Amino acid sequence: MLEYDPFVEPDPDQWLALDEQEQIDLVVAYHRRAGIRFPREQAHAIFHAIVERQIADTELPVRGTAERLMSEGLDRHEAIHAIGSVLAAHMHDLIHGAESGSDPDTRSDPNEAYFAELEALTADDWLQSG
């Protein structure tokens, strides 16, 4: 069985061949082995798994963002967290936009805003965000 380590990129084909729950379980197992605890362990693992799927998908610009953040000084695990923070904020905005009555059919592709936020993200910005 594959063992997950956020400091080492999993083989994209192997990672994408796993179902989402297997990915989440691998991320949880890594954090437990490393002694890293989170109040919302499953939520944290879900974001890790999503970001890893996005990095593995060559059609998305997320791999380039991760590589750029690492070239700016973040380690791979920090880059995943930085991207995950943008993803979480983006999802929050989408949910609250839907709750406010915004018609999703009149908006552009919501991924465009997410990818633009990733393009603007820097290692320094993420490190200063606390």
N, C-alpha and C. Protein backbone atom coordinates (compact mmCIF):
# COMPACT_ATOMS: atom_id res chain seq x y z
N MET A 1 0.84 -1.20 0.00
CA MET A 1 0.00 0.00 0.00
C MET A 1 0.88 1.25 0.00
N LEU A 2 0.43 2.23 -0.70
CA LEU A 2 1.11 3.52 -0.79
C LEU A 2 1.15 4.18 0.58
N GLU A 3 2.28 4.80 0.91
CA GLU A 3 2.39 5.57 2.15
C GLU A 3 2.56 7.03 1.76
N TYR A 4 1.76 7.88 2.35
CA TYR A 4 1.77 9.30 1.98
C TYR A 4 2.79 10.06 2.81
N ASP A 5 3.50 10.96 2.16
CA ASP A 5 4.42 11.89 2.81
C ASP A 5 4.31 13.20 2.04
N PRO A 6 3.80 14.27 2.65
CA PRO A 6 3.60 15.51 1.92
C PRO A 6 4.89 16.19 1.46
N PHE A 7 6.03 15.73 1.97
CA PHE A 7 7.30 16.31 1.55
C PHE A 7 7.81 15.69 0.25
N VAL A 8 7.17 14.58 -0.16
CA VAL A 8 7.56 13.86 -1.37
C VAL A 8 6.33 13.69 -2.24
N GLU A 9 6.41 14.17 -3.47
CA GLU A 9 5.25 14.08 -4.35
C GLU A 9 4.92 12.61 -4.63
N PRO A 10 3.66 12.24 -4.39
CA PRO A 10 3.27 10.89 -4.77
C PRO A 10 3.25 10.77 -6.30
N ASP A 11 3.46 9.57 -6.78
CA ASP A 11 3.36 9.34 -8.22
C ASP A 11 1.95 9.77 -8.65
N PRO A 12 1.86 10.72 -9.59
CA PRO A 12 0.53 11.24 -9.96
C PRO A 12 -0.45 10.16 -10.41
N ASP A 13 0.03 9.20 -11.20
CA ASP A 13 -0.88 8.15 -11.68
C ASP A 13 -1.37 7.29 -10.53
N GLN A 14 -0.47 6.94 -9.61
CA GLN A 14 -0.87 6.15 -8.44
C GLN A 14 -1.86 6.93 -7.58
N TRP A 15 -1.56 8.21 -7.35
CA TRP A 15 -2.42 9.03 -6.50
C TRP A 15 -3.82 9.16 -7.10
N LEU A 16 -3.87 9.45 -8.40
CA LEU A 16 -5.17 9.63 -9.05
C LEU A 16 -5.94 8.31 -9.18
N ALA A 17 -5.23 7.19 -9.13
CA ALA A 17 -5.90 5.89 -9.21
C ALA A 17 -6.60 5.53 -7.90
N LEU A 18 -6.21 6.17 -6.80
CA LEU A 18 -6.85 5.91 -5.51
C LEU A 18 -8.19 6.63 -5.46
N ASP A 19 -9.14 6.05 -4.72
CA ASP A 19 -10.37 6.82 -4.54
C ASP A 19 -10.13 7.86 -3.45
N GLU A 20 -11.03 8.83 -3.37
CA GLU A 20 -10.82 9.96 -2.46
C GLU A 20 -10.68 9.53 -1.01
N GLN A 21 -11.46 8.55 -0.58
CA GLN A 21 -11.38 8.12 0.81
C GLN A 21 -10.02 7.49 1.11
N GLU A 22 -9.48 6.74 0.17
CA GLU A 22 -8.13 6.17 0.36
C GLU A 22 -7.10 7.28 0.51
N GLN A 23 -7.23 8.31 -0.31
CA GLN A 23 -6.30 9.45 -0.22
C GLN A 23 -6.41 10.12 1.15
N ILE A 24 -7.63 10.36 1.58
CA ILE A 24 -7.86 11.00 2.88
C ILE A 24 -7.27 10.14 4.00
N ASP A 25 -7.51 8.83 3.94
CA ASP A 25 -6.98 7.92 4.96
C ASP A 25 -5.45 7.95 5.00
N LEU A 26 -4.82 8.03 3.83
CA LEU A 26 -3.36 8.10 3.78
C LEU A 26 -2.84 9.39 4.40
N VAL A 27 -3.54 10.49 4.15
CA VAL A 27 -3.13 11.78 4.72
C VAL A 27 -3.30 11.75 6.24
N VAL A 28 -4.41 11.22 6.73
CA VAL A 28 -4.63 11.11 8.18
C VAL A 28 -3.53 10.24 8.80
N ALA A 29 -3.23 9.12 8.16
CA ALA A 29 -2.20 8.21 8.69
C ALA A 29 -0.85 8.92 8.77
N TYR A 30 -0.50 9.72 7.74
CA TYR A 30 0.76 10.47 7.79
C TYR A 30 0.80 11.40 9.00
N HIS A 31 -0.25 12.20 9.18
CA HIS A 31 -0.26 13.17 10.26
C HIS A 31 -0.20 12.48 11.62
N ARG A 32 -0.86 11.36 11.75
CA ARG A 32 -0.80 10.61 13.02
C ARG A 32 0.61 10.07 13.26
N ARG A 33 1.23 9.50 12.20
CA ARG A 33 2.62 9.00 12.34
C ARG A 33 3.56 10.12 12.74
N ALA A 34 3.33 11.29 12.18
CA ALA A 34 4.20 12.45 12.44
C ALA A 34 3.87 13.13 13.76
N GLY A 35 2.82 12.68 14.44
CA GLY A 35 2.42 13.29 15.71
C GLY A 35 1.78 14.65 15.55
N ILE A 36 1.23 14.91 14.37
CA ILE A 36 0.58 16.20 14.09
C ILE A 36 -0.91 16.01 14.28
N ARG A 37 -1.49 16.77 15.20
CA ARG A 37 -2.92 16.65 15.50
C ARG A 37 -3.63 17.95 15.13
N PHE A 38 -4.82 17.80 14.61
CA PHE A 38 -5.66 18.93 14.26
C PHE A 38 -7.03 18.74 14.88
N PRO A 39 -7.69 19.84 15.26
CA PRO A 39 -9.04 19.71 15.82
C PRO A 39 -10.00 19.07 14.81
N ARG A 40 -9.84 19.40 13.54
CA ARG A 40 -10.70 18.84 12.49
C ARG A 40 -9.83 18.03 11.53
N GLU A 41 -9.38 16.89 12.04
CA GLU A 41 -8.43 16.04 11.32
C GLU A 41 -8.94 15.66 9.93
N GLN A 42 -10.20 15.26 9.82
CA GLN A 42 -10.75 14.85 8.53
C GLN A 42 -10.80 16.01 7.55
N ALA A 43 -11.23 17.17 8.01
CA ALA A 43 -11.29 18.34 7.13
C ALA A 43 -9.90 18.69 6.61
N HIS A 44 -8.93 18.66 7.50
CA HIS A 44 -7.55 18.95 7.11
C HIS A 44 -7.09 17.95 6.05
N ALA A 45 -7.37 16.68 6.28
CA ALA A 45 -6.96 15.63 5.35
C ALA A 45 -7.67 15.77 4.01
N ILE A 46 -8.93 16.18 4.03
CA ILE A 46 -9.68 16.36 2.79
C ILE A 46 -9.02 17.44 1.93
N PHE A 47 -8.63 18.56 2.55
CA PHE A 47 -7.99 19.62 1.78
C PHE A 47 -6.64 19.16 1.24
N HIS A 48 -5.87 18.42 2.05
CA HIS A 48 -4.61 17.85 1.56
C HIS A 48 -4.87 17.01 0.31
N ALA A 49 -5.85 16.11 0.41
CA ALA A 49 -6.14 15.20 -0.70
C ALA A 49 -6.58 15.96 -1.95
N ILE A 50 -7.40 16.98 -1.76
CA ILE A 50 -7.86 17.78 -2.91
C ILE A 50 -6.67 18.46 -3.58
N VAL A 51 -5.82 19.10 -2.77
CA VAL A 51 -4.66 19.80 -3.34
C VAL A 51 -3.74 18.80 -4.05
N GLU A 52 -3.52 17.65 -3.45
CA GLU A 52 -2.67 16.64 -4.12
C GLU A 52 -3.29 16.20 -5.44
N ARG A 53 -4.61 16.04 -5.48
CA ARG A 53 -5.28 15.67 -6.75
C ARG A 53 -5.07 16.78 -7.78
N GLN A 54 -5.18 18.02 -7.34
CA GLN A 54 -5.01 19.14 -8.26
C GLN A 54 -3.57 19.23 -8.77
N ILE A 55 -2.60 18.98 -7.89
CA ILE A 55 -1.20 18.99 -8.32
C ILE A 55 -0.95 17.87 -9.33
N ALA A 56 -1.57 16.72 -9.13
CA ALA A 56 -1.38 15.57 -10.01
C ALA A 56 -2.06 15.76 -11.37
N ASP A 57 -3.04 16.64 -11.44
CA ASP A 57 -3.79 16.87 -12.68
C ASP A 57 -3.04 17.89 -13.54
N THR A 58 -2.42 17.42 -14.59
CA THR A 58 -1.59 18.29 -15.43
C THR A 58 -2.40 19.35 -16.18
N GLU A 59 -3.72 19.21 -16.20
CA GLU A 59 -4.56 20.20 -16.88
C GLU A 59 -4.78 21.45 -16.03
N LEU A 60 -4.44 21.37 -14.75
CA LEU A 60 -4.68 22.49 -13.83
C LEU A 60 -3.37 23.23 -13.54
N PRO A 61 -3.45 24.52 -13.22
CA PRO A 61 -2.24 25.30 -12.93
C PRO A 61 -1.71 25.12 -11.51
N VAL A 62 -2.28 24.22 -10.73
CA VAL A 62 -1.92 24.09 -9.32
C VAL A 62 -0.50 23.58 -9.15
N ARG A 63 -0.07 22.65 -10.00
CA ARG A 63 1.31 22.15 -9.93
C ARG A 63 2.30 23.31 -10.05
N GLY A 64 2.04 24.19 -11.02
CA GLY A 64 2.92 25.34 -11.20
C GLY A 64 2.96 26.24 -9.98
N THR A 65 1.81 26.41 -9.33
CA THR A 65 1.77 27.22 -8.11
C THR A 65 2.59 26.56 -7.02
N ALA A 66 2.45 25.26 -6.85
CA ALA A 66 3.22 24.54 -5.82
C ALA A 66 4.71 24.68 -6.10
N GLU A 67 5.11 24.49 -7.35
CA GLU A 67 6.53 24.60 -7.71
C GLU A 67 7.05 26.01 -7.45
N ARG A 68 6.25 27.01 -7.80
CA ARG A 68 6.67 28.40 -7.57
C ARG A 68 6.81 28.69 -6.09
N LEU A 69 5.84 28.26 -5.27
CA LEU A 69 5.91 28.49 -3.83
C LEU A 69 7.15 27.82 -3.23
N MET A 70 7.48 26.63 -3.72
CA MET A 70 8.68 25.96 -3.22
C MET A 70 9.94 26.70 -3.66
N SER A 71 9.93 27.27 -4.87
CA SER A 71 11.09 28.05 -5.32
C SER A 71 11.23 29.34 -4.52
N GLU A 72 10.12 29.78 -3.90
CA GLU A 72 10.14 30.98 -3.05
C GLU A 72 10.50 30.65 -1.61
N GLY A 73 10.77 29.37 -1.32
CA GLY A 73 11.26 29.01 0.00
C GLY A 73 10.39 28.11 0.85
N LEU A 74 9.16 27.81 0.40
CA LEU A 74 8.32 26.90 1.18
C LEU A 74 8.74 25.46 0.91
N ASP A 75 8.61 24.60 1.92
CA ASP A 75 8.77 23.18 1.63
C ASP A 75 7.46 22.69 1.01
N ARG A 76 7.46 21.48 0.53
CA ARG A 76 6.29 20.97 -0.19
C ARG A 76 5.04 20.92 0.71
N HIS A 77 5.22 20.53 1.97
CA HIS A 77 4.08 20.47 2.89
C HIS A 77 3.51 21.87 3.11
N GLU A 78 4.38 22.85 3.29
CA GLU A 78 3.91 24.23 3.46
C GLU A 78 3.19 24.73 2.20
N ALA A 79 3.70 24.35 1.03
CA ALA A 79 3.06 24.76 -0.22
C ALA A 79 1.65 24.17 -0.32
N ILE A 80 1.50 22.92 0.10
CA ILE A 80 0.17 22.29 0.10
C ILE A 80 -0.75 23.06 1.03
N HIS A 81 -0.26 23.44 2.21
CA HIS A 81 -1.08 24.19 3.15
C HIS A 81 -1.43 25.57 2.60
N ALA A 82 -0.48 26.22 1.94
CA ALA A 82 -0.74 27.55 1.37
C ALA A 82 -1.84 27.45 0.30
N ILE A 83 -1.71 26.48 -0.59
CA ILE A 83 -2.72 26.28 -1.63
C ILE A 83 -4.05 25.90 -0.99
N GLY A 84 -4.00 25.03 0.00
CA GLY A 84 -5.22 24.62 0.71
C GLY A 84 -5.92 25.79 1.38
N SER A 85 -5.15 26.75 1.88
CA SER A 85 -5.78 27.92 2.51
C SER A 85 -6.53 28.76 1.48
N VAL A 86 -5.97 28.88 0.29
CA VAL A 86 -6.64 29.61 -0.79
C VAL A 86 -7.90 28.84 -1.21
N LEU A 87 -7.77 27.52 -1.32
CA LEU A 87 -8.92 26.69 -1.68
C LEU A 87 -10.04 26.82 -0.65
N ALA A 88 -9.69 26.76 0.64
CA ALA A 88 -10.69 26.86 1.70
C ALA A 88 -11.40 28.22 1.65
N ALA A 89 -10.64 29.29 1.48
CA ALA A 89 -11.24 30.62 1.40
C ALA A 89 -12.13 30.73 0.16
N HIS A 90 -11.68 30.16 -0.93
CA HIS A 90 -12.47 30.20 -2.18
C HIS A 90 -13.78 29.43 -2.00
N MET A 91 -13.71 28.26 -1.39
CA MET A 91 -14.92 27.47 -1.17
C MET A 91 -15.87 28.22 -0.22
N HIS A 92 -15.32 28.85 0.80
CA HIS A 92 -16.14 29.65 1.72
C HIS A 92 -16.87 30.74 0.96
N ASP A 93 -16.13 31.43 0.09
CA ASP A 93 -16.75 32.51 -0.71
C ASP A 93 -17.84 31.97 -1.63
N LEU A 94 -17.59 30.81 -2.24
CA LEU A 94 -18.60 30.22 -3.12
C LEU A 94 -19.86 29.87 -2.35
N ILE A 95 -19.69 29.28 -1.17
CA ILE A 95 -20.84 28.89 -0.35
C ILE A 95 -21.63 30.12 0.07
N HIS A 96 -20.93 31.13 0.54
CA HIS A 96 -21.63 32.33 1.01
C HIS A 96 -22.22 33.13 -0.14
N GLY A 97 -21.60 33.06 -1.30
CA GLY A 97 -22.18 33.70 -2.48
C GLY A 97 -23.49 33.03 -2.86
N ALA A 98 -23.51 31.68 -2.76
CA ALA A 98 -24.73 30.93 -3.07
C ALA A 98 -25.81 31.23 -2.04
N GLU A 99 -25.41 31.38 -0.78
CA GLU A 99 -26.39 31.67 0.27
C GLU A 99 -26.98 33.07 0.13
N SER A 100 -26.21 33.98 -0.47
CA SER A 100 -26.70 35.35 -0.58
C SER A 100 -27.61 35.53 -1.79
N GLY A 101 -27.90 34.43 -2.50
CA GLY A 101 -28.82 34.51 -3.61
C GLY A 101 -28.17 34.78 -4.94
N SER A 102 -26.87 34.75 -4.98
CA SER A 102 -26.14 34.94 -6.22
C SER A 102 -26.50 33.82 -7.19
N ASP A 103 -26.84 34.16 -8.41
CA ASP A 103 -27.22 33.14 -9.40
C ASP A 103 -25.96 32.56 -10.03
N PRO A 104 -25.67 31.27 -9.77
CA PRO A 104 -24.45 30.68 -10.31
C PRO A 104 -24.41 30.68 -11.83
N ASP A 105 -25.56 30.73 -12.50
CA ASP A 105 -25.57 30.72 -13.96
C ASP A 105 -25.12 32.04 -14.55
N THR A 106 -25.11 33.12 -13.76
CA THR A 106 -24.71 34.42 -14.28
C THR A 106 -23.25 34.73 -13.98
N ARG A 107 -22.59 33.86 -13.24
CA ARG A 107 -21.17 34.07 -12.90
C ARG A 107 -20.30 33.35 -13.92
N SER A 108 -19.04 33.80 -13.99
CA SER A 108 -18.09 33.08 -14.83
C SER A 108 -17.68 31.81 -14.08
N ASP A 109 -16.85 31.04 -14.70
CA ASP A 109 -16.36 29.80 -14.10
C ASP A 109 -15.73 30.12 -12.75
N PRO A 110 -16.24 29.54 -11.65
CA PRO A 110 -15.69 29.85 -10.33
C PRO A 110 -14.23 29.43 -10.17
N ASN A 111 -13.78 28.50 -11.00
CA ASN A 111 -12.38 28.10 -10.92
C ASN A 111 -11.45 29.21 -11.39
N GLU A 112 -11.92 30.08 -12.26
CA GLU A 112 -11.08 31.18 -12.73
C GLU A 112 -10.63 32.06 -11.57
N ALA A 113 -11.54 32.36 -10.64
CA ALA A 113 -11.19 33.18 -9.48
C ALA A 113 -10.18 32.44 -8.59
N TYR A 114 -10.39 31.16 -8.39
CA TYR A 114 -9.47 30.35 -7.59
C TYR A 114 -8.08 30.34 -8.21
N PHE A 115 -8.01 30.10 -9.52
CA PHE A 115 -6.71 30.06 -10.18
C PHE A 115 -6.03 31.43 -10.15
N ALA A 116 -6.80 32.50 -10.25
CA ALA A 116 -6.23 33.85 -10.15
C ALA A 116 -5.68 34.10 -8.75
N GLU A 117 -6.40 33.61 -7.73
CA GLU A 117 -5.92 33.76 -6.36
C GLU A 117 -4.63 32.97 -6.15
N LEU A 118 -4.54 31.80 -6.76
CA LEU A 118 -3.30 31.02 -6.67
C LEU A 118 -2.15 31.75 -7.36
N GLU A 119 -2.44 32.34 -8.51
CA GLU A 119 -1.41 33.08 -9.26
C GLU A 119 -0.85 34.23 -8.41
N ALA A 120 -1.72 34.87 -7.64
CA ALA A 120 -1.31 36.01 -6.82
C ALA A 120 -0.64 35.59 -5.51
N LEU A 121 -0.83 34.36 -5.10
CA LEU A 121 -0.29 33.87 -3.82
C LEU A 121 1.23 33.82 -3.86
N THR A 122 1.85 34.34 -2.80
CA THR A 122 3.31 34.23 -2.66
C THR A 122 3.62 33.53 -1.35
N ALA A 123 4.82 32.99 -1.28
CA ALA A 123 5.27 32.35 -0.05
C ALA A 123 5.26 33.36 1.09
N ASP A 124 5.75 34.57 0.84
CA ASP A 124 5.78 35.61 1.88
C ASP A 124 4.38 35.94 2.39
N ASP A 125 3.43 36.08 1.47
CA ASP A 125 2.06 36.37 1.88
C ASP A 125 1.54 35.27 2.80
N TRP A 126 1.77 34.03 2.41
CA TRP A 126 1.25 32.92 3.21
C TRP A 126 1.95 32.86 4.56
N LEU A 127 3.26 33.04 4.59
CA LEU A 127 3.99 33.00 5.87
C LEU A 127 3.55 34.12 6.79
N GLN A 128 3.25 35.29 6.23
CA GLN A 128 2.83 36.42 7.05
C GLN A 128 1.38 36.29 7.51
N SER A 129 0.62 35.41 6.87
CA SER A 129 -0.78 35.25 7.27
C SER A 129 -0.93 34.51 8.58
N GLY A 130 0.16 33.91 9.04
CA GLY A 130 0.14 33.23 10.34
C GLY A 130 -0.27 31.82 10.21
